[in-house]
Amino acid sequence: MKAIYSSAEEAVQQIQDGMTLMVGGFGLVGIPERLILALVEKGVKDLTVISNNCGIDDWGLGLLLKNKQIKKMIGSYVGENKEFERQVLSGEIEVELTPQGTLAEKIRAGGAGIPAFFTPAGVGTTVADGKEIREFDGKEYVLEEALRADFALIRAAKADKFGNLIYNKTAQNFNPMMAAAGKFTIAEVEEIVETGDLDPNTIQTPSIYVQGLLQASQEKRIERLTTRS
């Protein structure tokens, strides 16, 4: 049995100022909506956030950004967030932009206990500034260090009470690797079932990577809606 929280506020109670958080999702898909809202209400600040991007102006991580609760953002792109762009250009927030594949591997490596790895992505660009470059088989590679976090906040479709997780299609995105790379992982899920009710062949994140569960419904907003005229 894992800790099952009665509210999102209870789930984020241990998160304090200055901590490093990994937050799952790609755009608005697969983000832990209720956990993010609870952080906004808690008012925790000076956070270092590791996520693919920073949501949109009025939803997801964009809410933390708007409240100036994020001190440093580690991600792969600015995305559809105008406030994020404004804070970056004005120097109000520290940003570390990383090629998307490299970001994913840095997180995966952190969860696998691999301290660093070499990749060709970013060689010859500002991404490689100040980093070790080494040549293998006549090709240059840059050394990238793994990422870990104090807490990983992720989203899954279903969990059992033991903490095993199943994701819904592409909502899986960064969530499984972040679950492994967080020192303490909280999974926001749509449904919690009894231990043993999940087919072991369908489990995508084993319970060993999960410390707490929150059952919560989501709005599941659309980042950019396109309709026919």
Foldseek 3Di string as FASTA:
>chain_A
DFAEDPALLVVCVPDAAQFEEEFEDDQLFFTLFRNLVSCLVVVHAQYEYEYQEQHECPGHNNSCLVSRRYAEYEHADHPHHPSSVVCVVVVVHHYHHDHHVVSLVLLLCLLVVNFKDWDLPPPPHPNQPPFDWDDDPRGITTIDTHDATQEYETEAAEEEPLQFGAHDPCSCPSRQSNLSRYPAYEYEYQYYHHPPPDDPVRGDHDSVSHRYYYHDDDPSDDRDDDDDD
